[in-house]
């Protein structure tokens, strides 16, 4: 069986994957797909997108194509295709057409990959919905999803009751067809920007703890352990999910035969926070940090989705990278490229085929990005991020952040308010800086590169002088 041969894409074209109209048992039969071409500007509606973890390259399986050839796909992708084929005629998906990055982008074509990666925001926005597939079911995931369904129904019921006593009652009647489905109803409520009333309802359902779990109270420990295991999965640390989920019209989490709207999942995480659930109590030592990394990613997604609804789209690239620094990517440069669709800034996407995993390629791209931030008068925050890198193991110059590293110091500002620029002045006062638009004037600290582009020269004003070093005088 030969490897599938990609036909070149013309300008404005994308590929889609058509799933077969048959059922089979995942992991026992190789799925078969058909690759088709369509124009991205006319593809609105009929297709959906898939968000998943690629996994290591050696962990690959064959995916048969309709013309007798095959494509390589990771174990997670093959598993996801299996469950999608089984459920394509049910409530998870109404479409047999999907955009899947590993199959719809010719990964060995440099020019095509650069164009398609740069246009991923448009693809995810154009899709009917995004299906998020963390991995195959396990670790009591079915129990967790059953709980999601029942808990969201309880919150939606309370929310409906509260709405009847407000001036939104007419809007509720107009959209009653949405109110039939509890998850759809909650999503509609959030999209109408009635988040304050909705969060009040979530908080009310979270106190006391017994009210949050209701008939599931005997299974509380099992449910929270299952959710902790779900949050610790590599999918939620994957940096690409920030863009994929933030710009999608609708996101559905799929775990085998179970599903849950992202808005429902995030509402319940907020309820757990209000109920003061300690995730450390439901995770083993190696996964505790992974859980909080995943929740950081979901917090970024939630903030960006809310900003889109309020018309505040387009964050600073540096601010995005600071907020998402704990995210993971197979390629070091994707720590940048995965976020470009969320900013109005233009930083070119460039790949070096056959050299993608090399340290030299990473260092060159990170250096180019550092020069870009310095030209935008963001050098002070650039140096702050460089200081958060472990310089004993970093591959970059000392003033260039190694974005591939997980920071060794906590950014107190981002911990306090995700995606908002906070900083401390010399006297320890907390201040807020609007970072939605680039600075118009030069900062207090002048920065420039040396002639060989390897040294950063800085000049700044003297704030204070140290006159005495030692113990205080008692005389």
Protein backbone atom coordinates (compact mmCIF):
# COMPACT_ATOMS: atom_id res chain seq x y z
CA UNK A 1 0.00 0.00 0.00
CA UNK A 2 1.67 3.31 -1.08
CA UNK A 3 1.83 6.49 0.98
CA UNK A 4 -0.82 9.07 0.03
CA UNK A 5 0.41 11.70 -2.45
CA UNK A 6 -0.86 15.20 -1.68
CA UNK A 7 -2.07 17.44 -4.48
CA UNK A 8 -0.89 21.06 -4.10
CA UNK A 9 -3.35 23.56 -2.63
CA UNK A 10 -4.28 26.58 -4.69
CA UNK A 11 -4.60 30.01 -3.06
CA UNK A 12 -7.50 30.05 -0.58
CA UNK A 13 -7.90 26.27 -0.60
CA UNK A 14 -7.91 23.86 2.35
CA UNK A 15 -8.22 20.10 2.59
CA UNK A 16 -10.95 18.30 4.52
CA UNK A 17 -11.20 14.70 5.72
CA UNK A 18 -14.38 12.79 4.88
CA UNK A 19 -15.22 9.97 7.30
CA UNK A 20 -16.80 6.77 5.96
CA UNK A 21 -20.48 6.11 6.55
CA UNK A 22 -19.79 2.86 8.41
CA UNK A 23 -19.19 1.67 11.95
CA UNK A 24 -16.24 -0.24 13.29
CA UNK A 25 -14.60 -1.01 16.61
CA UNK A 26 -11.82 1.50 17.46
CA UNK A 27 -8.30 0.11 17.85
CA UNK A 28 -9.19 -3.13 16.04
CA UNK A 29 -9.76 -1.98 12.46
CA UNK A 30 -7.79 0.70 10.62
CA UNK A 31 -10.06 3.70 9.88
CA UNK A 32 -10.46 4.76 6.27
CA UNK A 33 -10.76 8.40 5.20
CA UNK A 34 -11.02 10.43 2.00
CA UNK A 35 -9.13 13.70 1.45
CA UNK A 36 -11.00 16.41 -0.49
CA UNK A 37 -10.15 20.00 -1.50
CA UNK A 38 -12.43 22.99 -0.89
CA UNK A 39 -12.14 26.75 -0.65
CA UNK A 40 -11.86 28.04 2.91
CA UNK A 41 -14.13 31.03 2.21
CA UNK A 42 -17.02 28.76 1.12
CA UNK A 43 -16.56 25.95 3.65
CA UNK A 44 -18.58 27.55 6.46
CA UNK A 45 -20.84 25.10 8.24
CA UNK A 46 -20.36 21.67 6.67
CA UNK A 47 -17.15 20.78 8.48
CA UNK A 48 -15.89 20.47 12.04
CA UNK A 49 -12.39 20.63 13.49
CA UNK A 50 -10.60 18.18 15.77
CA UNK A 51 -8.34 19.20 18.66
CA UNK A 52 -6.16 16.41 20.05
CA UNK A 53 -2.62 15.49 21.15
CA UNK A 54 -0.28 14.40 18.37
CA UNK A 55 1.96 12.23 20.54
CA UNK A 56 5.52 11.08 19.78
CA UNK A 57 6.50 10.37 16.16
CA UNK A 58 7.39 6.70 16.72
CA UNK A 59 3.87 6.19 18.10
CA UNK A 60 2.22 6.10 14.65
CA UNK A 61 -0.35 3.92 12.89
CA UNK A 62 -1.64 3.65 9.34
CA UNK A 63 -4.82 5.44 8.27
CA UNK A 64 -6.19 4.06 5.02
CA UNK A 65 -7.31 6.45 2.26
CA UNK A 66 -10.10 5.77 -0.19
CA UNK A 67 -7.74 5.52 -3.17
CA UNK A 68 -5.84 2.55 -1.78
CA UNK A 69 -3.00 4.59 -0.22
CA UNK A 70 -2.40 5.41 3.45
CA UNK A 71 -1.36 8.25 5.79
CA UNK A 72 0.48 8.09 9.09
CA UNK A 73 -1.35 9.19 12.24
CA UNK A 74 -0.65 9.06 15.96
CA UNK A 75 -2.42 6.65 18.29
CA UNK A 76 -4.60 9.45 19.71
CA UNK A 77 -5.72 10.49 16.23
CA UNK A 78 -6.58 6.93 15.18
CA UNK A 79 -8.52 6.46 18.41
CA UNK A 80 -10.39 9.75 17.89
CA UNK A 81 -11.28 8.84 14.29
CA UNK A 82 -12.68 5.54 15.49
CA UNK A 83 -15.06 7.12 17.99
CA UNK A 84 -16.05 9.88 15.55
CA UNK A 85 -17.01 7.32 12.92
CA UNK A 86 -19.06 5.44 15.50
CA UNK A 87 -20.89 8.60 16.57
CA UNK A 88 -21.06 10.71 13.42
CA UNK A 89 -24.82 10.16 13.06
CA UNK A 90 -25.53 10.87 16.72
CA UNK A 91 -25.43 14.02 18.84
CA UNK A 92 -21.64 14.50 18.93
CA UNK A 93 -21.33 15.40 15.27
CA UNK A 94 -23.73 16.02 12.42
CA UNK A 95 -20.96 16.16 9.86
CA UNK A 96 -18.74 13.61 8.16
CA UNK A 97 -16.26 16.33 7.14
CA UNK A 98 -13.40 17.36 9.41
CA UNK A 99 -10.34 19.58 9.29
CA UNK A 100 -7.53 17.70 11.06
CA UNK A 101 -4.12 19.37 10.99
CA UNK A 102 -1.99 16.21 10.74
CA UNK A 103 -3.94 14.99 7.69
CA UNK A 104 -5.08 18.22 6.02
CA UNK A 105 -1.65 19.92 5.96
CA UNK A 106 1.15 18.36 3.93
CA UNK A 107 3.68 18.35 6.73
CA UNK A 108 6.71 18.00 4.40
CA UNK A 109 5.86 21.08 2.31
CA UNK A 110 7.48 24.15 3.90
CA UNK A 111 5.49 26.82 2.05
CA UNK A 112 2.14 25.08 2.49
CA UNK A 113 2.72 24.49 6.19
CA UNK A 114 3.61 28.13 6.80
CA UNK A 115 0.50 29.37 4.98
CA UNK A 116 -1.86 26.89 6.66
CA UNK A 117 -0.50 27.46 10.18
CA UNK A 118 -0.82 31.23 9.70
CA UNK A 119 -4.46 30.74 8.62
CA UNK A 120 -5.58 28.34 11.36
CA UNK A 121 -7.61 31.00 13.15
CA UNK A 122 -9.81 31.43 10.07
CA UNK A 123 -10.23 27.65 9.74
CA UNK A 124 -11.36 27.18 13.35
CA UNK A 125 -13.65 30.21 13.16
CA UNK A 126 -15.24 28.91 9.94
CA UNK A 127 -15.95 25.44 11.33
CA UNK A 128 -19.34 24.53 12.76
CA UNK A 129 -17.70 23.40 16.00
CA UNK A 130 -14.48 22.01 17.44
CA UNK A 131 -14.36 18.57 19.01
CA UNK A 132 -11.75 18.36 21.78
CA UNK A 133 -10.46 14.82 22.30
CA UNK A 134 -8.23 14.55 25.41
CA UNK A 135 -7.63 10.79 24.87
CA UNK A 136 -9.38 7.42 25.12
CA UNK A 137 -11.74 7.00 28.09
CA UNK A 138 -10.30 5.72 31.35
CA UNK A 139 -9.71 6.60 35.02
CA UNK A 140 -13.46 6.87 35.70
CA UNK A 141 -13.91 9.44 32.90
CA UNK A 142 -17.40 8.06 32.16
CA UNK A 143 -18.50 8.78 35.75
CA UNK A 144 -17.12 12.32 35.47
CA UNK A 145 -19.04 13.02 32.25
CA UNK A 146 -22.28 11.60 33.67
CA UNK A 147 -21.81 13.95 36.61
CA UNK A 148 -21.17 16.90 34.23
CA UNK A 149 -24.50 16.24 32.52
CA UNK A 150 -26.50 16.03 35.75
CA UNK A 151 -24.77 18.95 37.49
CA UNK A 152 -25.23 21.21 34.46
CA UNK A 153 -28.93 20.32 34.43
CA UNK A 154 -29.23 21.45 38.07
CA UNK A 155 -27.43 24.73 37.40
CA UNK A 156 -29.51 25.35 34.26
CA UNK A 157 -32.75 24.75 36.19
CA UNK A 158 -31.73 27.28 38.87
CA UNK A 159 -30.65 29.72 36.16
CA UNK A 160 -34.02 29.48 34.39
CA UNK A 161 -35.78 30.18 37.67
CA UNK A 162 -33.66 33.27 38.31
CA UNK A 163 -34.18 34.56 34.76
CA UNK A 164 -37.97 34.53 35.13
CA UNK A 165 -37.72 37.30 37.71
CA UNK A 166 -35.60 39.53 35.47
CA UNK A 167 -36.20 41.59 32.34
CA UNK A 168 -34.62 38.75 30.35
CA UNK A 169 -37.80 36.66 30.53
CA UNK A 170 -38.84 37.74 27.01
CA UNK A 171 -35.46 36.70 25.63
CA UNK A 172 -35.84 33.32 27.33
CA UNK A 173 -39.20 32.79 25.62
CA UNK A 174 -37.74 33.79 22.24
CA UNK A 175 -35.00 31.22 22.55
CA UNK A 176 -36.98 28.46 24.21
CA UNK A 177 -35.76 25.95 21.63
CA UNK A 178 -32.29 26.37 23.15
CA UNK A 179 -33.62 25.91 26.65
CA UNK A 180 -34.62 22.31 25.87
CA UNK A 181 -30.95 21.29 26.11
CA UNK A 182 -29.41 22.32 29.43
CA UNK A 183 -25.88 22.63 28.06
CA UNK A 184 -27.06 24.65 25.06
CA UNK A 185 -29.09 26.85 27.39
CA UNK A 186 -26.07 27.67 29.54
CA UNK A 187 -23.97 28.41 26.48
CA UNK A 188 -26.66 30.74 25.16
CA UNK A 189 -26.82 32.51 28.54
CA UNK A 190 -23.09 33.13 28.61
CA UNK A 191 -23.07 34.34 25.00
CA UNK A 192 -25.75 36.91 25.92
CA UNK A 193 -23.17 38.29 28.38
CA UNK A 194 -25.35 37.62 31.38
CA UNK A 195 -22.29 36.17 33.09
CA UNK A 196 -22.87 37.98 36.42
CA UNK A 197 -26.28 36.39 36.90
CA UNK A 198 -24.94 33.06 35.66
CA UNK A 199 -21.96 33.11 38.03
CA UNK A 200 -24.26 34.02 40.93
CA UNK A 201 -26.21 30.88 40.07
CA UNK A 202 -23.03 28.78 39.86
CA UNK A 203 -21.88 30.10 43.25
CA UNK A 204 -25.28 29.35 44.79
CA UNK A 205 -25.11 25.76 43.52
CA UNK A 206 -21.61 25.39 44.92
CA UNK A 207 -22.56 26.11 48.50
CA UNK A 208 -22.87 23.99 50.45
CA UNK A 209 -20.76 21.26 48.91
CA UNK A 210 -23.61 18.74 49.21
CA UNK A 211 -25.75 20.89 46.93
CA UNK A 212 -23.10 20.84 44.22
CA UNK A 213 -22.97 17.03 44.13
CA UNK A 214 -26.57 16.25 45.06
CA UNK A 215 -27.33 12.55 44.47
CA UNK A 216 -23.67 12.07 43.46
CA UNK A 217 -22.44 12.89 46.98
CA UNK A 218 -21.50 9.22 47.73
CA UNK A 219 -19.25 9.33 44.64
CA UNK A 220 -17.71 12.73 45.39
CA UNK A 221 -14.15 11.47 45.88
CA UNK A 222 -14.29 9.25 42.78
CA UNK A 223 -15.69 12.10 40.66
CA UNK A 224 -13.11 14.66 41.77
CA UNK A 225 -10.31 12.13 41.32
CA UNK A 226 -11.58 11.42 37.79
CA UNK A 227 -11.72 15.15 36.98
CA UNK A 228 -8.21 15.63 38.38
CA UNK A 229 -7.01 12.78 36.16
CA UNK A 230 -8.73 14.41 33.17
CA UNK A 231 -7.10 17.80 33.85
CA UNK A 232 -3.68 16.16 34.20
CA UNK A 233 -3.82 14.70 30.69
CA UNK A 234 -1.27 16.17 28.23
CA UNK A 235 -4.10 17.56 26.09
CA UNK A 236 -4.80 20.40 28.52
CA UNK A 237 -1.14 21.48 28.62
CA UNK A 238 -0.98 21.58 24.80
CA UNK A 239 -0.46 25.22 23.80
CA UNK A 240 -2.39 24.87 20.53
CA UNK A 241 -5.69 24.38 22.39
CA UNK A 242 -5.65 28.04 23.49
CA UNK A 243 -6.19 29.30 19.94
CA UNK A 244 -8.30 26.32 18.83
CA UNK A 245 -10.79 26.70 21.68
CA UNK A 246 -10.72 30.48 22.01
CA UNK A 247 -11.78 31.24 18.41
CA UNK A 248 -14.17 28.31 17.82
CA UNK A 249 -17.91 28.95 17.69
CA UNK A 250 -18.57 25.94 19.91
CA UNK A 251 -16.28 23.45 21.65
CA UNK A 252 -17.43 19.96 22.63
CA UNK A 253 -15.21 17.77 24.81
CA UNK A 254 -15.34 14.14 23.66
CA UNK A 255 -14.05 11.20 25.68
CA UNK A 256 -15.02 7.95 23.98
CA UNK A 257 -18.82 7.89 23.83
CA UNK A 258 -19.17 10.73 26.37
CA UNK A 259 -19.38 14.44 25.62
CA UNK A 260 -19.65 17.77 27.41
CA UNK A 261 -19.71 21.38 26.21
CA UNK A 262 -16.60 23.34 27.17
CA UNK A 263 -18.79 26.06 28.70
CA UNK A 264 -20.37 23.46 31.01
CA UNK A 265 -16.96 22.13 32.06
CA UNK A 266 -15.64 25.62 32.79
CA UNK A 267 -18.77 26.56 34.75
CA UNK A 268 -18.32 23.49 36.95
CA UNK A 269 -14.62 24.26 37.48
CA UNK A 270 -15.75 27.70 38.70
CA UNK A 271 -18.23 26.00 41.02
CA UNK A 272 -15.48 23.76 42.40
CA UNK A 273 -13.33 26.83 43.02
CA UNK A 274 -16.21 28.49 44.86
CA UNK A 275 -16.67 25.29 46.87
CA UNK A 276 -12.95 25.43 47.77
CA UNK A 277 -12.09 22.05 46.28
CA UNK A 278 -8.38 21.27 46.79
CA UNK A 279 -7.19 19.39 43.72
CA UNK A 280 -4.03 18.37 45.57
CA UNK A 281 -6.21 16.01 47.62
CA UNK A 282 -7.31 14.10 44.52
CA UNK A 283 -4.07 13.71 42.58
CA UNK A 284 -0.85 11.82 43.07
CA UNK A 285 2.39 13.75 43.43
CA UNK A 286 3.63 13.58 39.79
CA UNK A 287 0.34 14.94 38.38
CA UNK A 288 -0.35 17.82 40.81
CA UNK A 289 1.63 20.38 38.80
CA UNK A 290 0.12 19.10 35.53
CA UNK A 291 -3.39 19.79 36.85
CA UNK A 292 -2.61 23.44 37.56
CA UNK A 293 -0.88 23.84 34.21
CA UNK A 294 -4.03 22.54 32.53
CA UNK A 295 -6.24 24.87 34.55
CA UNK A 296 -3.98 27.79 33.58
CA UNK A 297 -4.54 26.95 29.92
CA UNK A 298 -8.31 26.71 30.42
CA UNK A 299 -8.27 30.04 32.27
CA UNK A 300 -6.55 31.63 29.27
CA UNK A 301 -9.16 30.10 26.93
CA UNK A 302 -12.02 31.38 29.09
CA UNK A 303 -10.58 34.91 29.24
CA UNK A 304 -9.99 35.05 25.48
CA UNK A 305 -13.47 33.72 24.64
CA UNK A 306 -15.05 36.33 26.93
CA UNK A 307 -12.91 39.06 25.35
CA UNK A 308 -14.14 38.02 21.90
CA UNK A 309 -17.78 38.27 23.01
CA UNK A 310 -17.09 41.76 24.38
CA UNK A 311 -15.32 42.88 21.20
CA UNK A 312 -11.88 43.07 22.87
CA UNK A 313 -10.15 40.68 20.51
CA UNK A 314 -6.43 40.90 19.75
CA UNK A 315 -3.98 40.71 22.67
CA UNK A 316 -0.33 41.68 22.61
CA UNK A 317 1.81 38.73 21.47
CA UNK A 318 4.22 39.14 24.39
CA UNK A 319 1.33 39.25 26.86
CA UNK A 320 -0.11 36.06 25.34
CA UNK A 321 3.23 34.29 25.54
CA UNK A 322 3.69 35.33 29.17
CA UNK A 323 0.23 34.06 30.13
CA UNK A 324 0.64 30.76 28.25
CA UNK A 325 4.27 30.04 29.06
CA UNK A 326 3.53 26.78 30.88
CA UNK A 327 1.93 25.37 27.71
CA UNK A 328 3.69 22.61 25.79
CA UNK A 329 4.49 22.10 22.12
CA UNK A 330 6.29 19.36 20.20
CA UNK A 331 8.24 22.02 18.29
CA UNK A 332 9.84 24.83 20.29
CA UNK A 333 8.83 27.44 17.67
CA UNK A 334 5.17 26.48 18.04
CA UNK A 335 5.21 28.19 21.45
CA UNK A 336 5.05 31.31 19.23
CA UNK A 337 3.12 30.16 16.18
CA UNK A 338 0.28 28.59 18.21
CA UNK A 339 -0.69 32.05 19.54
CA UNK A 340 -0.34 34.20 16.43
CA UNK A 341 -4.02 33.82 15.54
CA UNK A 342 -4.96 35.55 18.81
CA UNK A 343 -3.09 38.80 18.14
CA UNK A 344 -3.25 41.51 15.51
CA UNK A 345 0.55 41.63 15.41
CA UNK A 346 2.32 40.15 12.41
CA UNK A 347 5.27 37.88 13.15
CA UNK A 348 6.17 35.65 10.18
CA UNK A 349 5.70 31.88 10.40
CA UNK A 350 8.86 30.16 9.16
CA UNK A 351 9.83 26.49 9.30
CA UNK A 352 13.09 24.81 8.31
CA UNK A 353 12.10 21.39 7.03
CA UNK A 354 14.44 18.64 8.22
CA UNK A 355 15.77 20.96 10.91
CA UNK A 356 12.66 21.58 13.01
CA UNK A 357 13.89 19.89 16.17
CA UNK A 358 17.38 21.41 16.13
CA UNK A 359 18.56 23.76 18.88
CA UNK A 360 20.04 26.09 16.28
CA UNK A 361 16.67 26.60 14.58
CA UNK A 362 14.96 27.31 17.92
CA UNK A 363 17.64 29.77 19.01
CA UNK A 364 17.46 31.68 15.71
CA UNK A 365 13.67 32.05 15.86
CA UNK A 366 13.68 33.05 19.53
CA UNK A 367 16.41 35.63 18.80
CA UNK A 368 14.36 37.02 15.92
CA UNK A 369 11.34 37.28 18.23
CA UNK A 370 13.40 39.07 20.92
CA UNK A 371 14.54 41.68 18.35
CA UNK A 372 10.90 42.10 17.33
CA UNK A 373 9.84 42.86 20.93
CA UNK A 374 12.74 45.27 21.43
CA UNK A 375 11.70 47.15 18.28
CA UNK A 376 8.21 47.45 19.82
CA UNK A 377 9.71 48.95 23.04
CA UNK A 378 8.84 45.86 25.08
CA UNK A 379 12.40 45.10 26.08
CA UNK A 380 11.78 45.51 29.83
CA UNK A 381 9.22 42.73 29.89
CA UNK A 382 11.40 40.68 27.57
CA UNK A 383 14.21 40.83 30.15
CA UNK A 384 11.78 39.85 32.87
CA UNK A 385 10.87 36.69 30.94
CA UNK A 386 14.54 35.97 30.27
CA UNK A 387 15.14 36.13 34.03
CA UNK A 388 12.45 33.48 34.55
CA UNK A 389 14.46 31.01 32.44
CA UNK A 390 17.00 28.67 33.99
CA UNK A 391 20.17 30.17 32.51
CA UNK A 392 22.19 27.10 33.45
CA UNK A 393 20.24 24.99 30.95
CA UNK A 394 18.87 27.60 28.54
CA UNK A 395 20.04 27.41 24.91
CA UNK A 396 19.55 31.11 24.16
CA UNK A 397 21.52 34.25 24.90
CA UNK A 398 21.05 35.48 28.47
CA UNK A 399 18.71 38.32 27.42
CA UNK A 400 16.59 36.11 25.12
CA UNK A 401 13.83 34.11 26.89
CA UNK A 402 13.93 30.37 26.29
CA UNK A 403 10.19 30.05 25.74
CA UNK A 404 10.43 26.27 25.51
CA UNK A 405 11.29 26.12 29.21
CA UNK A 406 8.69 26.12 31.92
CA UNK A 407 9.53 29.25 33.98
CA UNK A 408 11.46 28.68 37.19
CA UNK A 409 9.85 31.70 38.92
CA UNK A 410 6.18 32.52 39.36
CA UNK A 411 4.85 35.63 37.68
CA UNK A 412 2.83 37.13 40.55
CA UNK A 413 0.99 39.47 38.20
CA UNK A 414 -0.38 36.67 36.00
CA UNK A 415 -1.25 34.59 39.04
CA UNK A 416 -3.38 37.46 40.33
CA UNK A 417 -5.09 38.33 37.07
CA UNK A 418 -4.61 36.15 34.01
CA UNK A 419 -4.01 37.98 30.74
CA UNK A 420 -3.76 41.41 32.41
CA UNK A 421 -0.47 43.31 32.58
CA UNK A 422 0.54 43.98 36.20
CA UNK A 423 3.93 45.07 37.43
CA UNK A 424 5.62 46.34 40.59
CA UNK A 425 7.47 49.62 40.74
CA UNK A 426 10.66 50.23 42.73
CA UNK A 427 8.70 51.01 45.88
CA UNK A 428 6.68 47.78 45.80
CA UNK A 429 3.40 49.35 44.65
CA UNK A 430 1.18 47.23 42.40
CA UNK A 431 0.29 48.96 39.14
CA UNK A 432 -1.71 48.07 36.04
CA UNK A 433 -0.49 48.83 32.51
CA UNK A 434 -2.80 48.77 29.53
CA UNK A 435 -1.15 46.46 27.01
CA UNK A 436 -3.84 46.40 24.32
CA UNK A 437 -1.91 48.79 22.06
CA UNK A 438 1.84 49.16 21.50
CA UNK A 439 3.59 51.98 23.30
CA UNK A 440 3.78 55.24 21.37
CA UNK A 441 6.83 56.59 23.11
CA UNK A 442 10.14 55.10 24.17
CA UNK A 443 10.24 53.51 27.65
CA UNK A 444 12.30 54.83 30.55
CA UNK A 445 14.92 52.18 29.84
CA UNK A 446 16.65 52.63 26.47
CA UNK A 447 17.66 49.36 24.80
CA UNK A 448 19.62 48.65 21.64
CA UNK A 449 21.49 45.77 20.08
CA UNK A 450 25.23 45.64 19.53
CA UNK A 451 26.60 45.61 15.99
CA UNK A 452 26.94 41.82 16.02
CA UNK A 453 23.35 41.38 17.34
CA UNK A 454 24.47 39.22 20.27
CA UNK A 455 24.60 41.79 23.08
CA UNK A 456 21.80 43.94 24.47
CA UNK A 457 22.90 47.38 25.68
CA UNK A 458 20.59 49.11 28.17
CA UNK A 459 20.56 52.60 29.61
CA UNK A 460 18.23 53.73 32.38
CA UNK A 461 17.59 56.48 34.90
CA UNK A 462 19.08 56.23 38.43
CA UNK A 463 16.22 55.81 40.90
CA UNK A 464 18.24 55.61 44.13
CA UNK A 465 21.80 55.09 45.33
CA UNK A 466 22.97 52.62 47.93
CA UNK A 467 25.06 54.63 50.43
CA UNK A 468 25.73 52.07 53.17
CA UNK A 469 26.00 48.27 53.08
CA UNK A 470 26.01 46.52 56.46
CA UNK A 471 24.18 46.65 59.78
CA UNK A 472 22.17 49.72 60.67
CA UNK A 473 23.92 52.39 62.83
CA UNK A 474 22.82 52.55 66.47
CA UNK A 475 24.60 55.83 67.29
